[in-house]
Amino acid sequence: MVNAGMQPREALREVEARLTAAGCPDADFDAGELFRLVTGQDARLADRPLTAEQAAKLEALTARRATREPLQYLCGSWPFLDFELAVGPGVLCPRADTEVVAEAAAQMLAGVQAPRVLDLCAGTGCLGLGVKRFCPEADVTCVEKSPEAYVYLEKNTRLALKGRGGSTENVLDASPFEEPAFDWGMKPTRAAEPVEGDLFTYWESLPEGQLDLIVSNPPYLTAQEMSELQPEVAKEPAMALEAGEDGLVFYKAIAEHYQKALRPGGALALEIGWQQREAVTALLEANGWADIACRKDFGGNDRCVTARRPK
C-alpha cells in the first residue's frame, strides 16, 4: 500500500509491484505515469517523501489501474502528435499508430489550398485534429454518433490545438482542458467543427464533389476478436470497436456511399486492422476507387489504406 512519508522510489516500486501482480503490461511505465500525475514530478528525480494527500491519490489510482482500467482514462488526457487530447470512459483511447494515418492523410493534401476534410467516427477527434495540425488551413468537420464520445470531441475541437498551428489560437496554458469563463456573445473558436451524426446515414446530407479528404478510424474488430480483447481494451466502448462478424461493415458503407462527396481526385485515408489490407482494398476496388495503397504502422503492420476518387 502507498503510504504518506514514502520516498519516491519506494512508492514507485510499490505501485509497479501491484500493477505487475495485476497483470498490467508495461507496469513500470504505468507506475511512473501515475506518480507523475499525482506529484507533477518524475519519480527518478523527485527527492521529497509523499504527503498524505499525494499518497492517498496515488493509492486510489493504483487500485483503479490494478482493475485494468486504461491508463489514459486515469490520466484524463493523452498525447497525440504534439498535442494533448481529453479522454475518458466512453471514448476510444488515441493510439500512436493512428498518427501514421493522420500523417498519410495530410500528405495526400499536398498542393490543395484550404482543403475541406471530413473525419468519420471521430471519437476524440484525433484524426481530424491531426490533419489540422499538419495542415492548419484545413476546414475540418468531425462526425461522431456516440453521445459519450461526443463530449470529448466537442472539448477537443475547442481546446486541443490552442497554440498549435498557424490558424489556431495561441492561448495554450498549463491546463489546456480547463473550461474557459463564459463570454456572452462570443462564439467558441474551434480547430474543427464537431457534428453528431451516423456514418451509415451522414453521406445522405453531403453535396457531391465538395470534399478534398475523408479520414476515418472506424470500428473494425470482428466478433471473434471482441471475445479475445485485452482487459484494458474491453473497458473501452464496444461501439467504437465492434464491426460485425467480418469487421468490414463500416468500410463497406464508406466504399459504397462516400466517394461522390469527394471532388475528382479527392482522397480517402482509413485506419485498418493489421490483417484487413486485402479485404478493404477489394471493397474499394469493387466500388471504383483509384490509386489504392497501404501504409504500415510503427510496428511494421498494415495500418492505413489510402485511395482517391478517380479524376
Protein backbone atom coordinates (compact mmCIF):
# COMPACT_ATOMS: atom_id res chain seq x y z
CA MET A 1 0.00 0.00 0.00
CA VAL A 2 1.17 3.52 -0.77
CA ASN A 3 1.60 5.46 2.47
CA ALA A 4 2.44 9.01 3.46
CA GLY A 5 6.14 9.55 4.04
CA MET A 6 7.25 7.05 1.40
CA GLN A 7 10.28 8.09 -0.60
CA PRO A 8 9.57 8.48 -4.34
CA ARG A 9 11.48 5.39 -5.47
CA GLU A 10 9.95 3.29 -2.70
CA ALA A 11 6.46 4.39 -3.75
CA LEU A 12 7.31 3.70 -7.38
CA ARG A 13 8.42 0.15 -6.55
CA GLU A 14 5.24 -0.45 -4.58
CA VAL A 15 3.00 0.72 -7.41
CA GLU A 16 4.94 -1.24 -10.03
CA ALA A 17 4.75 -4.43 -7.95
CA ARG A 18 0.99 -4.05 -7.51
CA LEU A 19 0.43 -3.46 -11.22
CA THR A 20 2.69 -6.34 -12.21
CA ALA A 21 0.76 -8.67 -9.89
CA ALA A 22 -2.48 -7.48 -11.52
CA GLY A 23 -1.15 -8.44 -14.95
CA CYS A 24 -0.82 -4.92 -16.28
CA PRO A 25 1.51 -4.73 -19.28
CA ASP A 26 4.24 -2.08 -19.01
CA ALA A 27 3.73 -1.82 -15.25
CA ASP A 28 6.94 0.17 -14.82
CA PHE A 29 5.79 2.79 -17.32
CA ASP A 30 2.33 2.99 -15.78
CA ALA A 31 3.76 3.41 -12.29
CA GLY A 32 5.90 6.29 -13.45
CA GLU A 33 2.97 7.98 -15.18
CA LEU A 34 0.74 7.66 -12.12
CA PHE A 35 3.46 9.10 -9.90
CA ARG A 36 3.90 11.99 -12.32
CA LEU A 37 0.15 12.56 -12.44
CA VAL A 38 -0.07 12.86 -8.66
CA THR A 39 3.11 14.79 -7.91
CA GLY A 40 3.94 16.56 -11.16
CA GLN A 41 7.43 15.05 -10.95
CA ASP A 42 9.44 12.20 -12.39
CA ALA A 43 9.97 9.71 -9.55
CA ARG A 44 13.60 9.28 -10.59
CA LEU A 45 14.25 12.96 -9.94
CA ALA A 46 11.91 13.63 -7.01
CA ASP A 47 13.59 13.91 -3.62
CA ARG A 48 10.75 14.55 -1.16
CA PRO A 49 8.61 11.95 0.60
CA LEU A 50 4.94 11.71 -0.34
CA THR A 51 2.48 13.87 1.54
CA ALA A 52 -0.66 12.28 2.95
CA GLU A 53 -2.71 13.75 0.10
CA GLN A 54 -0.30 12.51 -2.56
CA ALA A 55 -0.16 9.05 -1.03
CA ALA A 56 -3.95 8.79 -0.93
CA LYS A 57 -4.28 9.86 -4.55
CA LEU A 58 -1.56 7.51 -5.74
CA GLU A 59 -3.08 4.61 -3.81
CA ALA A 60 -6.51 5.27 -5.33
CA LEU A 61 -5.12 5.47 -8.87
CA THR A 62 -3.07 2.32 -8.35
CA ALA A 63 -6.16 0.45 -7.19
CA ARG A 64 -8.07 1.57 -10.27
CA ARG A 65 -5.26 0.68 -12.66
CA ALA A 66 -4.99 -2.75 -11.00
CA THR A 67 -8.56 -3.40 -12.16
CA ARG A 68 -7.16 -2.86 -15.70
CA GLU A 69 -8.86 0.48 -16.18
CA PRO A 70 -7.00 2.13 -19.10
CA LEU A 71 -4.14 4.38 -18.05
CA GLN A 72 -5.41 7.01 -20.48
CA TYR A 73 -8.71 7.23 -18.60
CA LEU A 74 -6.90 7.71 -15.30
CA CYS A 75 -4.75 10.49 -16.72
CA GLY A 76 -7.72 12.30 -18.29
CA SER A 77 -5.69 13.34 -21.34
CA TRP A 78 -3.26 11.66 -23.69
CA PRO A 79 -0.71 12.91 -26.23
CA PHE A 80 -1.28 12.65 -29.97
CA LEU A 81 1.42 14.05 -32.25
CA ASP A 82 2.48 17.15 -30.29
CA PHE A 83 -0.83 18.00 -28.61
CA GLU A 84 -2.99 16.62 -25.79
CA LEU A 85 -6.47 15.16 -26.16
CA ALA A 86 -9.09 14.94 -23.42
CA VAL A 87 -10.00 11.28 -22.94
CA GLY A 88 -12.06 9.22 -20.52
CA PRO A 89 -14.69 6.49 -20.18
CA GLY A 90 -16.95 6.36 -23.22
CA VAL A 91 -14.41 7.26 -25.89
CA LEU A 92 -11.74 5.25 -27.71
CA CYS A 93 -8.23 5.97 -26.45
CA PRO A 94 -5.99 7.66 -29.05
CA ARG A 95 -3.10 5.46 -30.13
CA ALA A 96 0.29 6.18 -31.64
CA ASP A 97 -0.43 4.05 -34.71
CA THR A 98 -3.26 6.41 -35.67
CA GLU A 99 -0.64 9.15 -36.06
CA VAL A 100 0.53 7.25 -39.16
CA VAL A 101 -2.97 7.62 -40.63
CA ALA A 102 -3.11 11.35 -39.86
CA GLU A 103 0.27 11.94 -41.50
CA ALA A 104 -0.59 9.85 -44.57
CA ALA A 105 -3.88 11.70 -44.94
CA ALA A 106 -2.23 15.11 -44.65
CA GLN A 107 0.36 14.19 -47.27
CA MET A 108 -2.45 13.47 -49.72
CA LEU A 109 -3.47 17.13 -49.46
CA ALA A 110 -0.20 18.42 -50.90
CA GLY A 111 -0.90 21.36 -53.18
CA VAL A 112 -4.54 21.71 -52.13
CA GLN A 113 -5.45 25.18 -50.88
CA ALA A 114 -7.79 25.41 -47.86
CA PRO A 115 -8.79 21.74 -48.08
CA ARG A 116 -12.16 20.55 -46.83
CA VAL A 117 -11.82 17.50 -44.61
CA LEU A 118 -14.35 15.07 -43.11
CA ASP A 119 -13.48 12.79 -40.17
CA LEU A 120 -15.97 9.94 -39.73
CA CYS A 121 -16.30 8.03 -36.42
CA ALA A 122 -14.19 10.80 -34.95
CA GLY A 123 -14.12 9.77 -31.27
CA THR A 124 -11.68 12.15 -29.57
CA GLY A 125 -11.14 13.87 -32.91
CA CYS A 126 -7.53 12.72 -33.08
CA LEU A 127 -7.55 12.05 -36.83
CA GLY A 128 -9.29 15.23 -37.90
CA LEU A 129 -7.28 17.34 -35.49
CA GLY A 130 -4.11 15.55 -36.55
CA VAL A 131 -4.77 16.54 -40.16
CA LYS A 132 -5.48 20.09 -38.98
CA ARG A 133 -2.16 20.11 -37.13
CA PHE A 134 -0.30 19.18 -40.35
CA CYS A 135 -2.47 21.49 -42.49
CA PRO A 136 -3.57 24.49 -40.37
CA GLU A 137 -5.57 25.95 -43.27
CA ALA A 138 -7.80 22.87 -43.50
CA ASP A 139 -11.54 23.18 -42.81
CA VAL A 140 -12.26 20.06 -40.75
CA THR A 141 -15.60 18.53 -39.74
CA CYS A 142 -15.61 15.67 -37.22
CA VAL A 143 -18.65 13.36 -37.09
CA GLU A 144 -19.40 11.17 -34.07
CA LYS A 145 -22.52 9.15 -33.18
CA SER A 146 -21.88 8.28 -29.53
CA PRO A 147 -23.17 10.90 -27.04
CA GLU A 148 -20.49 9.83 -24.56
CA ALA A 149 -17.68 10.23 -27.07
CA TYR A 150 -19.12 13.47 -28.42
CA VAL A 151 -18.47 15.15 -25.06
CA TYR A 152 -14.73 14.64 -25.59
CA LEU A 153 -14.89 15.54 -29.26
CA GLU A 154 -16.60 18.84 -28.50
CA LYS A 155 -13.99 19.69 -25.88
CA ASN A 156 -11.04 18.70 -28.03
CA THR A 157 -12.15 20.66 -31.06
CA ARG A 158 -12.19 23.76 -28.84
CA LEU A 159 -9.09 23.22 -26.77
CA ALA A 160 -6.64 20.58 -28.05
CA LEU A 161 -4.94 22.70 -30.72
CA LYS A 162 -4.89 26.04 -28.96
CA GLY A 163 -1.42 27.40 -29.50
CA ARG A 164 -0.65 24.72 -32.11
CA GLY A 165 -0.51 25.75 -35.78
CA GLY A 166 -0.89 28.99 -37.65
CA SER A 167 -4.68 29.27 -37.73
CA THR A 168 -5.41 28.18 -34.16
CA GLU A 169 -5.44 30.40 -31.11
CA ASN A 170 -2.16 30.98 -29.34
CA VAL A 171 -3.63 30.69 -25.87
CA LEU A 172 -2.34 27.33 -24.62
CA ASP A 173 -1.85 27.39 -20.86
CA ALA A 174 -0.78 24.88 -18.23
CA SER A 175 -4.32 23.45 -18.02
CA PRO A 176 -5.43 23.02 -21.66
CA PHE A 177 -8.69 21.29 -20.69
CA GLU A 178 -9.81 23.78 -18.07
CA GLU A 179 -13.09 25.27 -19.21
CA PRO A 180 -12.77 28.98 -20.06
CA ALA A 181 -15.04 31.52 -18.41
CA PHE A 182 -18.24 32.00 -20.38
CA ASP A 183 -18.18 35.09 -22.55
CA TRP A 184 -21.60 36.37 -23.58
CA GLY A 185 -21.79 36.91 -27.32
CA MET A 186 -18.51 35.15 -28.10
CA LYS A 187 -18.71 32.06 -30.30
CA PRO A 188 -16.09 29.44 -29.29
CA THR A 189 -13.16 29.26 -31.66
CA ARG A 190 -12.66 25.71 -32.85
CA ALA A 191 -9.93 23.90 -34.71
CA ALA A 192 -12.62 21.65 -36.21
CA GLU A 193 -16.41 21.53 -36.28
CA PRO A 194 -17.95 18.70 -34.24
CA VAL A 195 -21.16 17.16 -35.59
CA GLU A 196 -23.37 14.46 -34.10
CA GLY A 197 -24.04 12.00 -36.87
CA ASP A 198 -24.06 8.38 -38.02
CA LEU A 199 -21.63 7.17 -40.67
CA PHE A 200 -24.34 4.96 -42.16
CA THR A 201 -26.59 7.91 -42.98
CA TYR A 202 -24.41 11.03 -42.88
CA TRP A 203 -23.49 10.67 -46.55
CA GLU A 204 -27.08 11.49 -47.48
CA SER A 205 -26.58 15.10 -46.33
CA LEU A 206 -23.34 15.69 -48.23
CA PRO A 207 -23.30 17.61 -51.54
CA GLU A 208 -21.41 15.97 -54.36
CA GLY A 209 -17.80 16.88 -55.06
CA GLN A 210 -17.20 19.28 -52.17
CA LEU A 211 -14.63 17.46 -50.03
CA ASP A 212 -10.88 17.13 -50.56
CA LEU A 213 -10.28 14.41 -47.96
CA ILE A 214 -12.21 11.86 -45.92
CA VAL A 215 -10.48 10.18 -42.98
CA SER A 216 -11.79 7.55 -40.61
CA ASN A 217 -10.72 5.15 -37.90
CA PRO A 218 -13.98 3.19 -37.84
CA PRO A 219 -14.74 0.15 -35.70
CA TYR A 220 -13.06 -2.83 -37.35
CA LEU A 221 -12.87 -5.73 -34.89
CA THR A 222 -14.63 -8.98 -35.72
CA ALA A 223 -16.97 -10.75 -33.33
CA GLN A 224 -14.20 -13.26 -32.60
CA GLU A 225 -11.69 -10.51 -31.83
CA MET A 226 -14.18 -8.84 -29.49
CA SER A 227 -14.28 -12.04 -27.43
CA GLU A 228 -10.49 -12.03 -27.03
CA LEU A 229 -9.80 -8.43 -26.03
CA GLN A 230 -7.09 -7.40 -23.59
CA PRO A 231 -8.82 -6.30 -20.33
CA GLU A 232 -7.94 -2.62 -20.87
CA VAL A 233 -9.39 -2.59 -24.39
CA ALA A 234 -12.51 -4.37 -23.15
CA LYS A 235 -13.19 -1.33 -20.95
CA GLU A 236 -13.26 0.95 -23.99
CA PRO A 237 -16.64 1.42 -25.70
CA ALA A 238 -17.69 -1.59 -27.78
CA MET A 239 -19.44 0.85 -30.11
CA ALA A 240 -16.01 2.15 -31.16
CA LEU A 241 -14.54 -1.31 -31.68
CA GLU A 242 -17.04 -3.86 -33.00
CA ALA A 243 -17.85 -4.15 -36.71
CA GLY A 244 -19.87 -7.31 -37.16
CA GLU A 245 -18.81 -10.84 -37.95
CA ASP A 246 -16.19 -9.88 -40.55
CA GLY A 247 -15.12 -6.47 -39.21
CA LEU A 248 -15.88 -4.79 -42.54
CA VAL A 249 -19.36 -3.28 -42.23
CA PHE A 250 -18.10 0.30 -41.81
CA TYR A 251 -15.62 0.01 -44.67
CA LYS A 252 -18.40 -1.27 -46.93
CA ALA A 253 -20.52 1.80 -46.17
CA ILE A 254 -17.61 4.19 -46.79
CA ALA A 255 -16.61 2.46 -50.03
CA GLU A 256 -20.18 2.45 -51.36
CA HIS A 257 -21.52 5.83 -50.28
CA TYR A 258 -18.80 8.44 -49.72
CA GLN A 259 -16.88 8.63 -52.99
CA LYS A 260 -19.30 11.11 -54.57
CA ALA A 261 -18.79 13.56 -51.69
CA LEU A 262 -15.17 13.98 -52.80
CA ARG A 263 -14.03 16.18 -55.66
CA PRO A 264 -12.47 14.26 -58.57
CA GLY A 265 -9.04 13.26 -57.30
CA GLY A 266 -10.13 13.73 -53.69
CA ALA A 267 -8.51 11.47 -51.11
CA LEU A 268 -9.56 8.80 -48.63
CA ALA A 269 -7.46 7.55 -45.69
CA LEU A 270 -8.71 4.69 -43.50
CA GLU A 271 -7.20 3.06 -40.44
CA ILE A 272 -7.44 -0.73 -40.73
CA GLY A 273 -6.72 -3.80 -38.65
CA TRP A 274 -3.36 -5.41 -39.30
CA GLN A 275 -4.95 -8.27 -41.27
CA GLN A 276 -7.52 -6.27 -43.29
CA ARG A 277 -5.45 -4.84 -46.14
CA GLU A 278 -6.65 -7.28 -48.80
CA ALA A 279 -10.32 -7.16 -47.78
CA VAL A 280 -10.51 -3.36 -47.59
CA THR A 281 -8.58 -2.99 -50.84
CA ALA A 282 -11.03 -5.36 -52.55
CA LEU A 283 -14.00 -3.33 -51.29
CA LEU A 284 -12.51 -0.11 -52.64
CA GLU A 285 -11.64 -1.68 -55.98
CA ALA A 286 -15.16 -3.07 -56.35
CA ASN A 287 -16.58 0.43 -55.85
CA GLY A 288 -14.34 2.16 -58.37
CA TRP A 289 -11.76 3.82 -56.13
CA ALA A 290 -8.37 4.60 -57.67
CA ASP A 291 -4.72 4.80 -56.53
CA ILE A 292 -5.25 2.36 -53.66
CA ALA A 293 -2.20 1.95 -51.42
CA CYS A 294 -1.28 0.87 -47.89
CA ARG A 295 0.93 2.32 -45.17
CA LYS A 296 2.46 0.38 -42.28
CA ASP A 297 2.44 1.47 -38.63
CA PHE A 298 5.38 1.86 -36.26
CA GLY A 299 5.37 -1.89 -35.63
CA GLY A 300 5.55 -2.77 -39.32
CA ASN A 301 1.91 -3.85 -39.56
CA ASP A 302 -0.51 -2.76 -42.28
CA ARG A 303 -2.40 0.16 -40.73
CA CYS A 304 -3.65 2.69 -43.29
CA VAL A 305 -5.31 2.20 -46.67
CA THR A 306 -5.46 5.26 -48.92
CA ALA A 307 -7.36 5.81 -52.15
CA ARG A 308 -8.72 8.55 -54.41
CA ARG A 309 -11.88 9.30 -56.31
CA PRO A 310 -10.99 8.90 -59.99
CA LYS A 311 -10.38 12.16 -61.82
